[in-house]
Amino acid sequence: MDATVTHDLTEKEIDYNGKKARLVELEHELKNDIRNDNSYGAIAFFLDSDTVALIDVMTTNNYGMRAWDVIDSITVD
C-alpha cells in the first residue's frame, strides 16, 4: 500500500514558563489523499543545570485543540 505523508513542520526556540525551550510542531498529515487534522507538538527545556523536561502531545481529528494549546496550558514552576 502506497501512502503519502505531508506536513507543516515548525521548530523554534521560545520562552516557556520563564525558561528557554525548544519547540517542535507538526500539523496536517495527508495519508492516501485523506486529510487527517492531527497535531503533534513536543517541547524540551532544562528544569535545572542537569535535568531536562520533555512534554510530548498529540491531538487527533481536530477536536478544537491543537497540541500547542495543551502544551501552553501546562504551568511549570
PDB file of N, CA and C in Angstrom:
ATOM      1  N   MET A   1       0.846  -1.178   0.000  1.00  0.00           N
ATOM      2  CA  MET A   1       0.000   0.000   0.000  1.00  0.00           C
ATOM      3  C   MET A   1       0.885   1.232   0.000  1.00  0.00           C
ATOM      4  N   ASP A   2       0.666   2.141  -0.926  1.00  0.00           N
ATOM      5  CA  ASP A   2       1.417   3.385  -1.000  1.00  0.00           C
ATOM      6  C   ASP A   2       0.728   4.455  -0.174  1.00  0.00           C
ATOM      7  N   ALA A   3       1.518   5.259   0.512  1.00  0.00           N
ATOM      8  CA  ALA A   3       0.957   6.356   1.305  1.00  0.00           C
ATOM      9  C   ALA A   3       1.863   7.563   1.187  1.00  0.00           C
ATOM     10  N   THR A   4       1.262   8.706   1.055  1.00  0.00           N
ATOM     11  CA  THR A   4       1.998   9.957   1.009  1.00  0.00           C
ATOM     12  C   THR A   4       1.710  10.730   2.280  1.00  0.00           C
ATOM     13  N   VAL A   5       2.747  11.181   2.928  1.00  0.00           N
ATOM     14  CA  VAL A   5       2.577  11.950   4.162  1.00  0.00           C
ATOM     15  C   VAL A   5       3.198  13.318   3.941  1.00  0.00           C
ATOM     16  N   THR A   6       2.406  14.351   4.107  1.00  0.00           N
ATOM     17  CA  THR A   6       2.919  15.714   4.033  1.00  0.00           C
ATOM     18  C   THR A   6       2.586  16.406   5.338  1.00  0.00           C
ATOM     19  N   HIS A   7       3.322  17.456   5.637  1.00  0.00           N
ATOM     20  CA  HIS A   7       3.079  18.130   6.914  1.00  0.00           C
ATOM     21  C   HIS A   7       3.702  19.512   6.909  1.00  0.00           C
ATOM     22  N   ASP A   8       3.270  20.310   7.858  1.00  0.00           N
ATOM     23  CA  ASP A   8       3.884  21.601   8.140  1.00  0.00           C
ATOM     24  C   ASP A   8       4.675  21.415   9.424  1.00  0.00           C
ATOM     25  N   LEU A   9       5.995  21.498   9.330  1.00  0.00           N
ATOM     26  CA  LEU A   9       6.864  21.302  10.486  1.00  0.00           C
ATOM     27  C   LEU A   9       7.428  22.643  10.912  1.00  0.00           C
ATOM     28  N   THR A  10       7.290  22.932  12.204  1.00  0.00           N
ATOM     29  CA  THR A  10       7.845  24.147  12.785  1.00  0.00           C
ATOM     30  C   THR A  10       8.785  23.745  13.908  1.00  0.00           C
ATOM     31  N   GLU A  11       9.962  24.334  13.915  1.00  0.00           N
ATOM     32  CA  GLU A  11      10.916  24.105  15.003  1.00  0.00           C
ATOM     33  C   GLU A  11      11.496  25.456  15.383  1.00  0.00           C
ATOM     34  N   LYS A  12      11.403  25.793  16.680  1.00  0.00           N
ATOM     35  CA  LYS A  12      11.898  27.103  17.102  1.00  0.00           C
ATOM     36  C   LYS A  12      12.238  27.117  18.581  1.00  0.00           C
ATOM     37  N   GLU A  13      13.054  28.099  18.954  1.00  0.00           N
ATOM     38  CA  GLU A  13      13.362  28.338  20.359  1.00  0.00           C
ATOM     39  C   GLU A  13      12.380  29.380  20.871  1.00  0.00           C
ATOM     40  N   ILE A  14      11.816  29.109  22.049  1.00  0.00           N
ATOM     41  CA  ILE A  14      10.836  30.027  22.639  1.00  0.00           C
ATOM     42  C   ILE A  14      11.105  30.169  24.137  1.00  0.00           C
ATOM     43  N   ASP A  15      10.436  31.129  24.757  1.00  0.00           N
ATOM     44  CA  ASP A  15      10.427  31.252  26.212  1.00  0.00           C
ATOM     45  C   ASP A  15       9.181  30.526  26.696  1.00  0.00           C
ATOM     46  N   TYR A  16       9.349  29.549  27.590  1.00  0.00           N
ATOM     47  CA  TYR A  16       8.236  28.738  28.078  1.00  0.00           C
ATOM     48  C   TYR A  16       8.271  28.726  29.596  1.00  0.00           C
ATOM     49  N   ASN A  17       7.291  29.334  30.223  1.00  0.00           N
ATOM     50  CA  ASN A  17       7.237  29.427  31.679  1.00  0.00           C
ATOM     51  C   ASN A  17       8.538  29.998  32.253  1.00  0.00           C
ATOM     52  N   GLY A  18       9.085  30.998  31.588  1.00  0.00           N
ATOM     53  CA  GLY A  18      10.301  31.650  32.051  1.00  0.00           C
ATOM     54  C   GLY A  18      11.587  30.893  31.768  1.00  0.00           C
ATOM     55  N   LYS A  19      11.499  29.835  30.975  1.00  0.00           N
ATOM     56  CA  LYS A  19      12.677  29.030  30.650  1.00  0.00           C
ATOM     57  C   LYS A  19      12.878  29.003  29.141  1.00  0.00           C
ATOM     58  N   LYS A  20      14.131  28.993  28.694  1.00  0.00           N
ATOM     59  CA  LYS A  20      14.406  28.831  27.268  1.00  0.00           C
ATOM     60  C   LYS A  20      14.064  27.402  26.872  1.00  0.00           C
ATOM     61  N   ALA A  21      13.355  27.252  25.767  1.00  0.00           N
ATOM     62  CA  ALA A  21      12.867  25.929  25.374  1.00  0.00           C
ATOM     63  C   ALA A  21      12.964  25.753  23.866  1.00  0.00           C
ATOM     64  N   ARG A  22      12.933  24.509  23.429  1.00  0.00           N
ATOM     65  CA  ARG A  22      12.927  24.138  22.013  1.00  0.00           C
ATOM     66  C   ARG A  22      11.580  23.486  21.714  1.00  0.00           C
ATOM     67  N   LEU A  23      10.827  24.056  20.779  1.00  0.00           N
ATOM     68  CA  LEU A  23       9.502  23.579  20.425  1.00  0.00           C
ATOM     69  C   LEU A  23       9.509  23.010  19.012  1.00  0.00           C
ATOM     70  N   VAL A  24       8.874  21.853  18.844  1.00  0.00           N
ATOM     71  CA  VAL A  24       8.673  21.253  17.527  1.00  0.00           C
ATOM     72  C   VAL A  24       7.185  20.985  17.379  1.00  0.00           C
ATOM     73  N   GLU A  25       6.610  21.433  16.258  1.00  0.00           N
ATOM     74  CA  GLU A  25       5.199  21.187  15.979  1.00  0.00           C
ATOM     75  C   GLU A  25       5.052  20.588  14.587  1.00  0.00           C
ATOM     76  N   LEU A  26       4.119  19.661  14.445  1.00  0.00           N
ATOM     77  CA  LEU A  26       3.828  19.002  13.177  1.00  0.00           C
ATOM     78  C   LEU A  26       2.320  19.018  12.992  1.00  0.00           C
ATOM     79  N   GLU A  27       1.880  19.581  11.876  1.00  0.00           N
ATOM     80  CA  GLU A  27       0.446  19.726  11.632  1.00  0.00           C
ATOM     81  C   GLU A  27       0.053  19.122  10.281  1.00  0.00           C
ATOM     82  N   HIS A  28      -1.184  18.688  10.181  1.00  0.00           N
ATOM     83  CA  HIS A  28      -1.849  18.324   8.929  1.00  0.00           C
ATOM     84  C   HIS A  28      -1.153  17.229   8.123  1.00  0.00           C
ATOM     85  N   GLU A  29      -1.356  16.022   8.497  1.00  0.00           N
ATOM     86  CA  GLU A  29      -0.846  14.905   7.728  1.00  0.00           C
ATOM     87  C   GLU A  29      -1.831  14.566   6.612  1.00  0.00           C
ATOM     88  N   LEU A  30      -1.315  14.088   5.496  1.00  0.00           N
ATOM     89  CA  LEU A  30      -2.144  13.642   4.389  1.00  0.00           C
ATOM     90  C   LEU A  30      -1.749  12.217   4.068  1.00  0.00           C
ATOM     91  N   LYS A  31      -2.668  11.294   4.251  1.00  0.00           N
ATOM     92  CA  LYS A  31      -2.371   9.889   4.005  1.00  0.00           C
ATOM     93  C   LYS A  31      -3.370   9.344   2.998  1.00  0.00           C
ATOM     94  N   ASN A  32      -2.849   8.811   1.923  1.00  0.00           N
ATOM     95  CA  ASN A  32      -3.705   8.233   0.879  1.00  0.00           C
ATOM     96  C   ASN A  32      -4.795   9.205   0.439  1.00  0.00           C
ATOM     97  N   ASP A  33      -4.399  10.471   0.255  1.00  0.00           N
ATOM     98  CA  ASP A  33      -5.293  11.531  -0.218  1.00  0.00           C
ATOM     99  C   ASP A  33      -6.434  11.867   0.741  1.00  0.00           C
ATOM    100  N   ILE A  34      -6.336  11.479   1.991  1.00  0.00           N
ATOM    101  CA  ILE A  34      -7.336  11.822   3.001  1.00  0.00           C
ATOM    102  C   ILE A  34      -6.673  12.718   4.034  1.00  0.00           C
ATOM    103  N   ARG A  35      -7.160  13.928   4.169  1.00  0.00           N
ATOM    104  CA  ARG A  35      -6.576  14.859   5.130  1.00  0.00           C
ATOM    105  C   ARG A  35      -6.966  14.435   6.545  1.00  0.00           C
ATOM    106  N   ASN A  36      -5.978  14.372   7.401  1.00  0.00           N
ATOM    107  CA  ASN A  36      -6.188  13.974   8.788  1.00  0.00           C
ATOM    108  C   ASN A  36      -5.642  15.102   9.657  1.00  0.00           C
ATOM    109  N   ASP A  37      -6.497  15.821  10.335  1.00  0.00           N
ATOM    110  CA  ASP A  37      -6.086  17.002  11.086  1.00  0.00           C
ATOM    111  C   ASP A  37      -5.482  16.648  12.434  1.00  0.00           C
ATOM    112  N   ASN A  38      -4.419  15.888  12.414  1.00  0.00           N
ATOM    113  CA  ASN A  38      -3.679  15.594  13.632  1.00  0.00           C
ATOM    114  C   ASN A  38      -2.743  16.754  13.939  1.00  0.00           C
ATOM    115  N   SER A  39      -2.432  16.914  15.192  1.00  0.00           N
ATOM    116  CA  SER A  39      -1.494  17.933  15.621  1.00  0.00           C
ATOM    117  C   SER A  39      -0.539  17.289  16.618  1.00  0.00           C
ATOM    118  N   TYR A  40       0.754  17.455  16.374  1.00  0.00           N
ATOM    119  CA  TYR A  40       1.774  16.892  17.245  1.00  0.00           C
ATOM    120  C   TYR A  40       2.687  18.017  17.705  1.00  0.00           C
ATOM    121  N   GLY A  41       3.037  18.021  18.979  1.00  0.00           N
ATOM    122  CA  GLY A  41       3.965  19.020  19.491  1.00  0.00           C
ATOM    123  C   GLY A  41       4.819  18.438  20.608  1.00  0.00           C
ATOM    124  N   ALA A  42       6.050  18.873  20.642  1.00  0.00           N
ATOM    125  CA  ALA A  42       6.960  18.468  21.715  1.00  0.00           C
ATOM    126  C   ALA A  42       7.788  19.688  22.100  1.00  0.00           C
ATOM    127  N   ILE A  43       8.019  19.818  23.391  1.00  0.00           N
ATOM    128  CA  ILE A  43       8.835  20.916  23.887  1.00  0.00           C
ATOM    129  C   ILE A  43       9.817  20.351  24.909  1.00  0.00           C
ATOM    130  N   ALA A  44      11.050  20.812  24.840  1.00  0.00           N
ATOM    131  CA  ALA A  44      12.099  20.364  25.767  1.00  0.00           C
ATOM    132  C   ALA A  44      12.759  21.597  26.383  1.00  0.00           C
ATOM    133  N   PHE A  45      13.049  21.492  27.681  1.00  0.00           N
ATOM    134  CA  PHE A  45      13.695  22.609  28.377  1.00  0.00           C
ATOM    135  C   PHE A  45      14.373  22.073  29.634  1.00  0.00           C
ATOM    136  N   PHE A  46      15.341  22.832  30.151  1.00  0.00           N
ATOM    137  CA  PHE A  46      16.038  22.453  31.375  1.00  0.00           C
ATOM    138  C   PHE A  46      15.231  22.895  32.595  1.00  0.00           C
ATOM    139  N   LEU A  47      15.047  21.968  33.538  1.00  0.00           N
ATOM    140  CA  LEU A  47      14.449  22.311  34.821  1.00  0.00           C
ATOM    141  C   LEU A  47      15.504  22.871  35.769  1.00  0.00           C
ATOM    142  N   ASP A  48      16.719  22.339  35.679  1.00  0.00           N
ATOM    143  CA  ASP A  48      17.880  22.860  36.395  1.00  0.00           C
ATOM    144  C   ASP A  48      19.101  22.548  35.548  1.00  0.00           C
ATOM    145  N   SER A  49      20.290  22.670  36.095  1.00  0.00           N
ATOM    146  CA  SER A  49      21.500  22.551  35.277  1.00  0.00           C
ATOM    147  C   SER A  49      21.718  21.166  34.673  1.00  0.00           C
ATOM    148  N   ASP A  50      21.067  20.124  35.206  1.00  0.00           N
ATOM    149  CA  ASP A  50      21.282  18.785  34.651  1.00  0.00           C
ATOM    150  C   ASP A  50      20.005  17.946  34.514  1.00  0.00           C
ATOM    151  N   THR A  51      18.834  18.604  34.505  1.00  0.00           N
ATOM    152  CA  THR A  51      17.568  17.886  34.361  1.00  0.00           C
ATOM    153  C   THR A  51      16.760  18.495  33.227  1.00  0.00           C
ATOM    154  N   VAL A  52      16.437  17.672  32.232  1.00  0.00           N
ATOM    155  CA  VAL A  52      15.664  18.121  31.086  1.00  0.00           C
ATOM    156  C   VAL A  52      14.227  17.627  31.212  1.00  0.00           C
ATOM    157  N   ALA A  53      13.276  18.513  30.932  1.00  0.00           N
ATOM    158  CA  ALA A  53      11.864  18.135  30.884  1.00  0.00           C
ATOM    159  C   ALA A  53      11.445  18.037  29.420  1.00  0.00           C
ATOM    160  N   LEU A  54      10.594  17.071  29.120  1.00  0.00           N
ATOM    161  CA  LEU A  54      10.054  16.900  27.781  1.00  0.00           C
ATOM    162  C   LEU A  54       8.546  16.734  27.890  1.00  0.00           C
ATOM    163  N   ILE A  55       7.821  17.577  27.174  1.00  0.00           N
ATOM    164  CA  ILE A  55       6.367  17.458  27.099  1.00  0.00           C
ATOM    165  C   ILE A  55       6.047  17.092  25.657  1.00  0.00           C
ATOM    166  N   ASP A  56       5.316  15.999  25.479  1.00  0.00           N
ATOM    167  CA  ASP A  56       5.030  15.433  24.167  1.00  0.00           C
ATOM    168  C   ASP A  56       3.515  15.262  24.050  1.00  0.00           C
ATOM    169  N   VAL A  57       2.886  15.915  23.058  1.00  0.00           N
ATOM    170  CA  VAL A  57       1.428  15.917  22.958  1.00  0.00           C
ATOM    171  C   VAL A  57       1.001  15.621  21.528  1.00  0.00           C
ATOM    172  N   MET A  58      -0.068  14.831  21.387  1.00  0.00           N
ATOM    173  CA  MET A  58      -0.696  14.611  20.087  1.00  0.00           C
ATOM    174  C   MET A  58      -2.204  14.720  20.255  1.00  0.00           C
ATOM    175  N   THR A  59      -2.825  15.552  19.425  1.00  0.00           N
ATOM    176  CA  THR A  59      -4.279  15.618  19.384  1.00  0.00           C
ATOM    177  C   THR A  59      -4.715  15.067  18.030  1.00  0.00           C
ATOM    178  N   THR A  60      -5.909  14.515  17.967  1.00  0.00           N
ATOM    179  CA  THR A  60      -6.363  13.897  16.731  1.00  0.00           C
ATOM    180  C   THR A  60      -7.694  14.464  16.253  1.00  0.00           C
ATOM    181  N   ASN A  61      -7.838  14.473  14.964  1.00  0.00           N
ATOM    182  CA  ASN A  61      -9.101  14.799  14.293  1.00  0.00           C
ATOM    183  C   ASN A  61      -9.673  16.158  14.648  1.00  0.00           C
ATOM    184  N   ASN A  62      -8.802  17.086  15.010  1.00  0.00           N
ATOM    185  CA  ASN A  62      -9.184  18.484  15.224  1.00  0.00           C
ATOM    186  C   ASN A  62     -10.402  18.647  16.138  1.00  0.00           C
ATOM    187  N   TYR A  63     -10.302  18.164  17.361  1.00  0.00           N
ATOM    188  CA  TYR A  63     -11.375  18.308  18.350  1.00  0.00           C
ATOM    189  C   TYR A  63     -11.362  19.680  19.019  1.00  0.00           C
ATOM    190  N   GLY A  64     -10.811  20.676  18.357  1.00  0.00           N
ATOM    191  CA  GLY A  64     -10.841  22.027  18.881  1.00  0.00           C
ATOM    192  C   GLY A  64      -9.579  22.444  19.610  1.00  0.00           C
ATOM    193  N   MET A  65      -8.633  21.524  19.810  1.00  0.00           N
ATOM    194  CA  MET A  65      -7.374  21.876  20.462  1.00  0.00           C
ATOM    195  C   MET A  65      -6.214  21.358  19.621  1.00  0.00           C
ATOM    196  N   ARG A  66      -5.260  22.204  19.397  1.00  0.00           N
ATOM    197  CA  ARG A  66      -4.013  21.799  18.753  1.00  0.00           C
ATOM    198  C   ARG A  66      -3.065  21.358  19.868  1.00  0.00           C
ATOM    199  N   ALA A  67      -2.006  20.696  19.515  1.00  0.00           N
ATOM    200  CA  ALA A  67      -1.020  20.255  20.509  1.00  0.00           C
ATOM    201  C   ALA A  67      -0.475  21.450  21.293  1.00  0.00           C
ATOM    202  N   TRP A  68      -0.227  22.572  20.613  1.00  0.00           N
ATOM    203  CA  TRP A  68       0.295  23.748  21.307  1.00  0.00           C
ATOM    204  C   TRP A  68      -0.671  24.225  22.392  1.00  0.00           C
ATOM    205  N   ASP A  69      -1.978  24.148  22.163  1.00  0.00           N
ATOM    206  CA  ASP A  69      -2.951  24.559  23.177  1.00  0.00           C
ATOM    207  C   ASP A  69      -2.771  23.760  24.470  1.00  0.00           C
ATOM    208  N   VAL A  70      -2.514  22.488  24.333  1.00  0.00           N
ATOM    209  CA  VAL A  70      -2.304  21.627  25.506  1.00  0.00           C
ATOM    210  C   VAL A  70      -0.987  22.000  26.188  1.00  0.00           C
ATOM    211  N   ILE A  71       0.086  22.110  25.406  1.00  0.00           N
ATOM    212  CA  ILE A  71       1.403  22.451  25.962  1.00  0.00           C
ATOM    213  C   ILE A  71       1.341  23.803  26.669  1.00  0.00           C
ATOM    214  N   ASP A  72       0.697  24.773  26.039  1.00  0.00           N
ATOM    215  CA  ASP A  72       0.622  26.124  26.593  1.00  0.00           C
ATOM    216  C   ASP A  72      -0.195  26.174  27.876  1.00  0.00           C
ATOM    217  N   SER A  73      -1.099  25.216  28.087  1.00  0.00           N
ATOM    218  CA  SER A  73      -1.930  25.211  29.293  1.00  0.00           C
ATOM    219  C   SER A  73      -1.216  24.652  30.520  1.00  0.00           C
ATOM    220  N   ILE A  74      -0.028  24.079  30.340  1.00  0.00           N
ATOM    221  CA  ILE A  74       0.734  23.478  31.439  1.00  0.00           C
ATOM    222  C   ILE A  74       1.633  24.529  32.073  1.00  0.00           C
ATOM    223  N   THR A  75       1.598  24.620  33.382  1.00  0.00           N
ATOM    224  CA  THR A  75       2.464  25.545  34.111  1.00  0.00           C
ATOM    225  C   THR A  75       3.586  24.770  34.775  1.00  0.00           C
ATOM    226  N   VAL A  76       4.802  25.202  34.549  1.00  0.00           N
ATOM    227  CA  VAL A  76       5.984  24.575  35.142  1.00  0.00           C
ATOM    228  C   VAL A  76       6.652  25.588  36.047  1.00  0.00           C
ATOM    229  N   ASP A  77       6.829  25.238  37.316  1.00  0.00           N
ATOM    230  CA  ASP A  77       7.490  26.159  38.265  1.00  0.00           C
ATOM    231  C   ASP A  77       8.972  25.899  38.308  1.00  0.00           C
TER     232      ASP A  77
END
